[in-house]
Amino acid sequence: MTQAMLVRRIAARPDIVFEALVTAEGIGAWWGSADVPAISAVSDPRVGVRFEVRFATTDRWEHVCTGEFLEIARPEHLVMSWRWIVGGEPDQATASRELATMSPHAVMKAAGPARSSS
């Protein structure tokens, strides 16, 4: 099995990022792109429950992905399956298992040199 790790730093609390990954509202607002927006999302974030997201391309094609929530520990841990639907059936060639771990990181602001007012 091929594995890859992607690390993203997002300027938001872990609970906000978690909700964007699992709720229909979050998925609809955050998944997709300007060229291929999410046009509908159905999600009930409970272990063993499936989700579905529909995307539309500029040439009016719809693409559907579906998956299942496998592990949920709000707001820091999420494991879900993921696959595209092709011809109305799940495409096993695109099946994957995704792990998301949200953890807060302190953001340090650079301080300039101290100035005296004389």
N, C-alpha and C. Protein backbone atom coordinates (compact mmCIF):
# COMPACT_ATOMS: atom_id res chain seq x y z
N MET A 1 0.84 -1.17 0.00
CA MET A 1 0.00 0.00 0.00
C MET A 1 0.89 1.24 0.00
N THR A 2 0.55 2.20 -0.85
CA THR A 2 1.27 3.45 -0.93
C THR A 2 0.77 4.40 0.14
N GLN A 3 1.70 5.08 0.79
CA GLN A 3 1.32 6.05 1.81
C GLN A 3 1.98 7.38 1.51
N ALA A 4 1.30 8.44 1.84
CA ALA A 4 1.84 9.78 1.69
C ALA A 4 1.38 10.60 2.88
N MET A 5 2.19 11.59 3.25
CA MET A 5 1.81 12.48 4.34
C MET A 5 1.86 13.91 3.84
N LEU A 6 0.81 14.63 4.14
CA LEU A 6 0.72 16.04 3.79
C LEU A 6 0.46 16.81 5.07
N VAL A 7 1.27 17.81 5.34
CA VAL A 7 1.09 18.64 6.53
C VAL A 7 0.64 20.01 6.09
N ARG A 8 -0.47 20.46 6.65
CA ARG A 8 -1.00 21.79 6.36
C ARG A 8 -1.11 22.56 7.66
N ARG A 9 -0.70 23.78 7.65
CA ARG A 9 -0.89 24.65 8.80
C ARG A 9 -2.00 25.62 8.43
N ILE A 10 -3.07 25.59 9.19
CA ILE A 10 -4.25 26.39 8.90
C ILE A 10 -4.48 27.32 10.08
N ALA A 11 -4.70 28.57 9.80
CA ALA A 11 -4.88 29.56 10.86
C ALA A 11 -6.31 29.48 11.40
N ALA A 12 -6.60 28.38 12.06
CA ALA A 12 -7.92 28.18 12.67
C ALA A 12 -7.78 27.16 13.79
N ARG A 13 -8.69 27.23 14.75
CA ARG A 13 -8.69 26.27 15.84
C ARG A 13 -8.99 24.87 15.31
N PRO A 14 -8.46 23.82 15.95
CA PRO A 14 -8.72 22.44 15.50
C PRO A 14 -10.21 22.12 15.37
N ASP A 15 -11.06 22.62 16.25
CA ASP A 15 -12.49 22.29 16.17
C ASP A 15 -13.12 22.88 14.91
N ILE A 16 -12.66 24.02 14.46
CA ILE A 16 -13.19 24.63 13.23
C ILE A 16 -12.76 23.82 12.02
N VAL A 17 -11.50 23.42 11.98
CA VAL A 17 -11.00 22.60 10.87
C VAL A 17 -11.73 21.25 10.85
N PHE A 18 -11.90 20.66 12.02
CA PHE A 18 -12.58 19.37 12.12
C PHE A 18 -14.00 19.47 11.54
N GLU A 19 -14.73 20.50 11.93
CA GLU A 19 -16.10 20.68 11.44
C GLU A 19 -16.12 20.87 9.92
N ALA A 20 -15.12 21.54 9.37
CA ALA A 20 -15.05 21.74 7.91
C ALA A 20 -14.82 20.42 7.18
N LEU A 21 -14.24 19.45 7.86
CA LEU A 21 -13.97 18.15 7.24
C LEU A 21 -15.14 17.18 7.35
N VAL A 22 -16.04 17.40 8.30
CA VAL A 22 -17.07 16.37 8.54
C VAL A 22 -18.51 16.82 8.36
N THR A 23 -18.81 18.11 8.44
CA THR A 23 -20.20 18.53 8.32
C THR A 23 -20.54 18.87 6.87
N ALA A 24 -21.79 18.70 6.50
CA ALA A 24 -22.22 19.03 5.14
C ALA A 24 -21.94 20.51 4.83
N GLU A 25 -22.17 21.38 5.81
CA GLU A 25 -21.92 22.80 5.61
C GLU A 25 -20.43 23.07 5.39
N GLY A 26 -19.59 22.46 6.21
CA GLY A 26 -18.15 22.64 6.07
C GLY A 26 -17.62 22.08 4.76
N ILE A 27 -18.08 20.88 4.42
CA ILE A 27 -17.64 20.25 3.17
C ILE A 27 -18.05 21.11 1.98
N GLY A 28 -19.29 21.56 1.98
CA GLY A 28 -19.78 22.39 0.88
C GLY A 28 -19.02 23.69 0.71
N ALA A 29 -18.57 24.25 1.83
CA ALA A 29 -17.85 25.53 1.79
C ALA A 29 -16.36 25.37 1.52
N TRP A 30 -15.77 24.25 1.94
CA TRP A 30 -14.31 24.14 1.93
C TRP A 30 -13.76 23.19 0.88
N TRP A 31 -14.45 22.10 0.60
CA TRP A 31 -13.94 21.14 -0.37
C TRP A 31 -14.14 21.70 -1.77
N GLY A 32 -13.43 21.18 -2.71
CA GLY A 32 -13.54 21.65 -4.08
C GLY A 32 -12.64 22.84 -4.32
N SER A 33 -12.80 23.43 -5.49
CA SER A 33 -11.98 24.58 -5.87
C SER A 33 -12.83 25.53 -6.70
N ALA A 34 -12.25 26.60 -7.16
CA ALA A 34 -12.99 27.54 -7.99
C ALA A 34 -13.42 26.88 -9.30
N ASP A 35 -12.56 26.00 -9.84
CA ASP A 35 -12.87 25.32 -11.10
C ASP A 35 -13.81 24.13 -10.92
N VAL A 36 -13.75 23.49 -9.77
CA VAL A 36 -14.56 22.29 -9.50
C VAL A 36 -15.17 22.43 -8.10
N PRO A 37 -16.21 23.28 -7.98
CA PRO A 37 -16.79 23.51 -6.65
C PRO A 37 -17.65 22.33 -6.18
N ALA A 38 -17.75 22.19 -4.88
CA ALA A 38 -18.69 21.23 -4.30
C ALA A 38 -20.07 21.84 -4.44
N ILE A 39 -21.00 21.12 -5.09
CA ILE A 39 -22.34 21.66 -5.30
C ILE A 39 -23.35 21.07 -4.33
N SER A 40 -23.02 19.95 -3.70
CA SER A 40 -23.87 19.39 -2.65
C SER A 40 -23.05 18.46 -1.79
N ALA A 41 -23.45 18.34 -0.56
CA ALA A 41 -22.77 17.45 0.37
C ALA A 41 -23.79 16.90 1.36
N VAL A 42 -23.67 15.61 1.62
CA VAL A 42 -24.51 14.95 2.61
C VAL A 42 -23.55 14.28 3.58
N SER A 43 -23.70 14.59 4.86
CA SER A 43 -22.78 14.06 5.85
C SER A 43 -23.46 13.95 7.21
N ASP A 44 -23.21 12.86 7.86
CA ASP A 44 -23.67 12.63 9.23
C ASP A 44 -22.46 12.06 9.96
N PRO A 45 -21.64 12.92 10.56
CA PRO A 45 -20.34 12.49 11.08
C PRO A 45 -20.44 11.58 12.31
N ARG A 46 -20.73 10.32 12.04
CA ARG A 46 -20.73 9.28 13.06
C ARG A 46 -20.01 8.08 12.49
N VAL A 47 -19.31 7.34 13.32
CA VAL A 47 -18.57 6.17 12.88
C VAL A 47 -19.52 5.19 12.20
N GLY A 48 -19.11 4.71 11.02
CA GLY A 48 -19.90 3.75 10.27
C GLY A 48 -20.89 4.37 9.31
N VAL A 49 -21.01 5.69 9.31
CA VAL A 49 -21.97 6.38 8.45
C VAL A 49 -21.25 6.94 7.23
N ARG A 50 -21.91 6.86 6.07
CA ARG A 50 -21.32 7.32 4.81
C ARG A 50 -21.57 8.81 4.59
N PHE A 51 -20.71 9.41 3.76
CA PHE A 51 -20.90 10.78 3.30
C PHE A 51 -20.84 10.77 1.78
N GLU A 52 -21.36 11.81 1.15
CA GLU A 52 -21.30 11.94 -0.30
C GLU A 52 -21.14 13.41 -0.66
N VAL A 53 -20.28 13.67 -1.62
CA VAL A 53 -20.04 15.03 -2.09
C VAL A 53 -20.12 15.04 -3.62
N ARG A 54 -20.85 16.01 -4.15
CA ARG A 54 -20.95 16.19 -5.60
C ARG A 54 -20.20 17.46 -6.01
N PHE A 55 -19.42 17.33 -7.06
CA PHE A 55 -18.65 18.43 -7.60
C PHE A 55 -19.12 18.68 -9.04
N ALA A 56 -19.01 19.91 -9.51
CA ALA A 56 -19.35 20.24 -10.90
C ALA A 56 -18.16 20.90 -11.56
N THR A 57 -17.87 20.49 -12.79
CA THR A 57 -16.79 21.11 -13.54
C THR A 57 -17.37 22.20 -14.44
N THR A 58 -16.51 23.03 -14.99
CA THR A 58 -16.97 24.13 -15.84
C THR A 58 -17.64 23.62 -17.11
N ASP A 59 -17.35 22.38 -17.52
CA ASP A 59 -18.00 21.81 -18.70
C ASP A 59 -19.29 21.06 -18.33
N ARG A 60 -19.79 21.32 -17.10
CA ARG A 60 -21.06 20.82 -16.60
C ARG A 60 -21.09 19.32 -16.28
N TRP A 61 -19.94 18.71 -16.13
CA TRP A 61 -19.89 17.32 -15.68
C TRP A 61 -19.98 17.31 -14.16
N GLU A 62 -20.68 16.32 -13.63
CA GLU A 62 -20.73 16.14 -12.18
C GLU A 62 -19.84 14.97 -11.80
N HIS A 63 -19.12 15.13 -10.72
CA HIS A 63 -18.27 14.07 -10.17
C HIS A 63 -18.71 13.86 -8.73
N VAL A 64 -18.80 12.60 -8.34
CA VAL A 64 -19.29 12.26 -7.01
C VAL A 64 -18.24 11.44 -6.29
N CYS A 65 -18.01 11.78 -5.03
CA CYS A 65 -17.16 10.94 -4.20
C CYS A 65 -17.98 10.54 -2.97
N THR A 66 -17.62 9.42 -2.41
CA THR A 66 -18.31 8.92 -1.24
C THR A 66 -17.29 8.27 -0.31
N GLY A 67 -17.66 8.12 0.91
CA GLY A 67 -16.78 7.48 1.87
C GLY A 67 -17.53 7.19 3.14
N GLU A 68 -16.78 6.70 4.11
CA GLU A 68 -17.37 6.34 5.40
C GLU A 68 -16.46 6.85 6.51
N PHE A 69 -17.09 7.33 7.57
CA PHE A 69 -16.32 7.74 8.75
C PHE A 69 -15.93 6.49 9.52
N LEU A 70 -14.64 6.27 9.68
CA LEU A 70 -14.13 5.05 10.32
C LEU A 70 -13.75 5.26 11.77
N GLU A 71 -13.16 6.41 12.09
CA GLU A 71 -12.78 6.75 13.46
C GLU A 71 -13.02 8.24 13.65
N ILE A 72 -13.61 8.60 14.78
CA ILE A 72 -13.83 10.01 15.09
C ILE A 72 -13.52 10.24 16.56
N ALA A 73 -12.62 11.18 16.82
CA ALA A 73 -12.34 11.64 18.19
C ALA A 73 -12.28 13.16 18.10
N ARG A 74 -13.42 13.80 18.28
CA ARG A 74 -13.52 15.25 18.14
C ARG A 74 -12.63 15.96 19.12
N PRO A 75 -11.99 17.02 18.78
CA PRO A 75 -11.84 17.59 17.45
C PRO A 75 -10.47 17.32 16.85
N GLU A 76 -9.77 16.29 17.32
CA GLU A 76 -8.38 16.16 16.88
C GLU A 76 -8.06 14.98 15.99
N HIS A 77 -8.99 14.04 15.80
CA HIS A 77 -8.64 12.82 15.06
C HIS A 77 -9.81 12.38 14.18
N LEU A 78 -9.51 12.09 12.91
CA LEU A 78 -10.53 11.65 11.97
C LEU A 78 -9.91 10.67 10.99
N VAL A 79 -10.55 9.53 10.81
CA VAL A 79 -10.16 8.57 9.78
C VAL A 79 -11.41 8.29 8.96
N MET A 80 -11.25 8.37 7.64
CA MET A 80 -12.38 8.13 6.76
C MET A 80 -11.92 7.46 5.48
N SER A 81 -12.81 6.68 4.87
CA SER A 81 -12.52 6.12 3.56
C SER A 81 -12.97 7.12 2.50
N TRP A 82 -12.51 6.92 1.28
CA TRP A 82 -12.78 7.88 0.22
C TRP A 82 -12.67 7.15 -1.12
N ARG A 83 -13.63 7.37 -2.01
CA ARG A 83 -13.53 6.84 -3.37
C ARG A 83 -14.45 7.63 -4.29
N TRP A 84 -14.08 7.67 -5.56
CA TRP A 84 -14.92 8.31 -6.57
C TRP A 84 -15.98 7.33 -7.03
N ILE A 85 -17.12 7.85 -7.47
CA ILE A 85 -18.19 7.04 -8.06
C ILE A 85 -18.06 7.19 -9.57
N VAL A 86 -17.98 6.07 -10.28
CA VAL A 86 -17.85 6.08 -11.73
C VAL A 86 -18.97 5.21 -12.30
N GLY A 87 -19.78 5.77 -13.18
CA GLY A 87 -20.89 5.01 -13.76
C GLY A 87 -21.89 4.53 -12.72
N GLY A 88 -22.03 5.29 -11.63
CA GLY A 88 -22.98 4.93 -10.59
C GLY A 88 -22.47 3.92 -9.57
N GLU A 89 -21.24 3.43 -9.75
CA GLU A 89 -20.67 2.43 -8.85
C GLU A 89 -19.36 2.95 -8.24
N PRO A 90 -19.06 2.58 -6.98
CA PRO A 90 -17.79 2.98 -6.39
C PRO A 90 -16.61 2.44 -7.21
N ASP A 91 -15.65 3.28 -7.49
CA ASP A 91 -14.45 2.91 -8.24
C ASP A 91 -13.39 2.43 -7.27
N GLN A 92 -13.15 1.14 -7.21
CA GLN A 92 -12.19 0.57 -6.27
C GLN A 92 -10.77 1.05 -6.52
N ALA A 93 -10.47 1.43 -7.77
CA ALA A 93 -9.12 1.90 -8.09
C ALA A 93 -8.81 3.22 -7.40
N THR A 94 -9.84 3.98 -7.03
CA THR A 94 -9.60 5.28 -6.38
C THR A 94 -9.81 5.21 -4.87
N ALA A 95 -10.06 4.02 -4.35
CA ALA A 95 -10.33 3.87 -2.91
C ALA A 95 -9.10 4.24 -2.10
N SER A 96 -9.33 4.97 -1.00
CA SER A 96 -8.24 5.31 -0.11
C SER A 96 -8.76 5.44 1.31
N ARG A 97 -7.84 5.49 2.22
CA ARG A 97 -8.16 5.69 3.63
C ARG A 97 -7.40 6.94 4.06
N GLU A 98 -8.13 7.91 4.58
CA GLU A 98 -7.55 9.20 4.94
C GLU A 98 -7.52 9.37 6.45
N LEU A 99 -6.44 9.88 6.97
CA LEU A 99 -6.30 10.18 8.39
C LEU A 99 -6.03 11.67 8.52
N ALA A 100 -6.78 12.33 9.36
CA ALA A 100 -6.55 13.74 9.63
C ALA A 100 -6.36 13.91 11.13
N THR A 101 -5.30 14.58 11.50
CA THR A 101 -5.02 14.88 12.90
C THR A 101 -4.91 16.39 13.03
N MET A 102 -5.76 16.96 13.86
CA MET A 102 -5.74 18.39 14.08
C MET A 102 -5.10 18.66 15.44
N SER A 103 -4.10 19.52 15.45
CA SER A 103 -3.49 19.87 16.73
C SER A 103 -3.14 21.36 16.72
N PRO A 104 -3.37 22.03 17.83
CA PRO A 104 -3.07 23.45 17.89
C PRO A 104 -1.57 23.69 17.95
N HIS A 105 -1.13 24.71 17.27
CA HIS A 105 0.27 25.12 17.30
C HIS A 105 0.31 26.60 17.64
N ALA A 106 1.22 26.97 18.50
CA ALA A 106 1.36 28.38 18.85
C ALA A 106 1.90 29.15 17.64
N VAL A 107 1.37 30.30 17.41
CA VAL A 107 1.84 31.16 16.33
C VAL A 107 2.67 32.27 16.97
N MET A 108 3.90 32.35 16.57
CA MET A 108 4.81 33.36 17.13
C MET A 108 4.85 34.55 16.18
N LYS A 109 4.65 35.74 16.71
CA LYS A 109 4.76 36.95 15.90
C LYS A 109 6.14 37.53 16.11
N ALA A 110 6.73 37.95 15.03
CA ALA A 110 8.06 38.55 15.12
C ALA A 110 7.97 39.91 15.78
N ALA A 111 8.83 40.15 16.68
CA ALA A 111 8.87 41.45 17.36
C ALA A 111 10.05 42.23 16.82
N GLY A 112 9.82 43.49 16.51
CA GLY A 112 10.91 44.32 16.02
C GLY A 112 11.78 44.81 17.17
N PRO A 113 12.87 45.49 16.86
CA PRO A 113 13.74 45.99 17.93
C PRO A 113 13.01 47.02 18.79
N ALA A 114 13.36 47.03 20.04
CA ALA A 114 12.75 48.01 20.96
C ALA A 114 13.19 49.40 20.57
N ARG A 115 12.26 50.33 20.63
CA ARG A 115 12.59 51.72 20.27
C ARG A 115 12.40 52.58 21.49
N SER A 116 13.31 53.51 21.65
CA SER A 116 13.15 54.44 22.77
C SER A 116 12.58 55.74 22.25
N SER A 117 11.77 56.35 23.05
CA SER A 117 11.20 57.64 22.65
C SER A 117 11.97 58.73 23.39
N SER A 118 12.92 59.36 22.73
CA SER A 118 13.69 60.41 23.39
C SER A 118 13.48 61.74 22.76
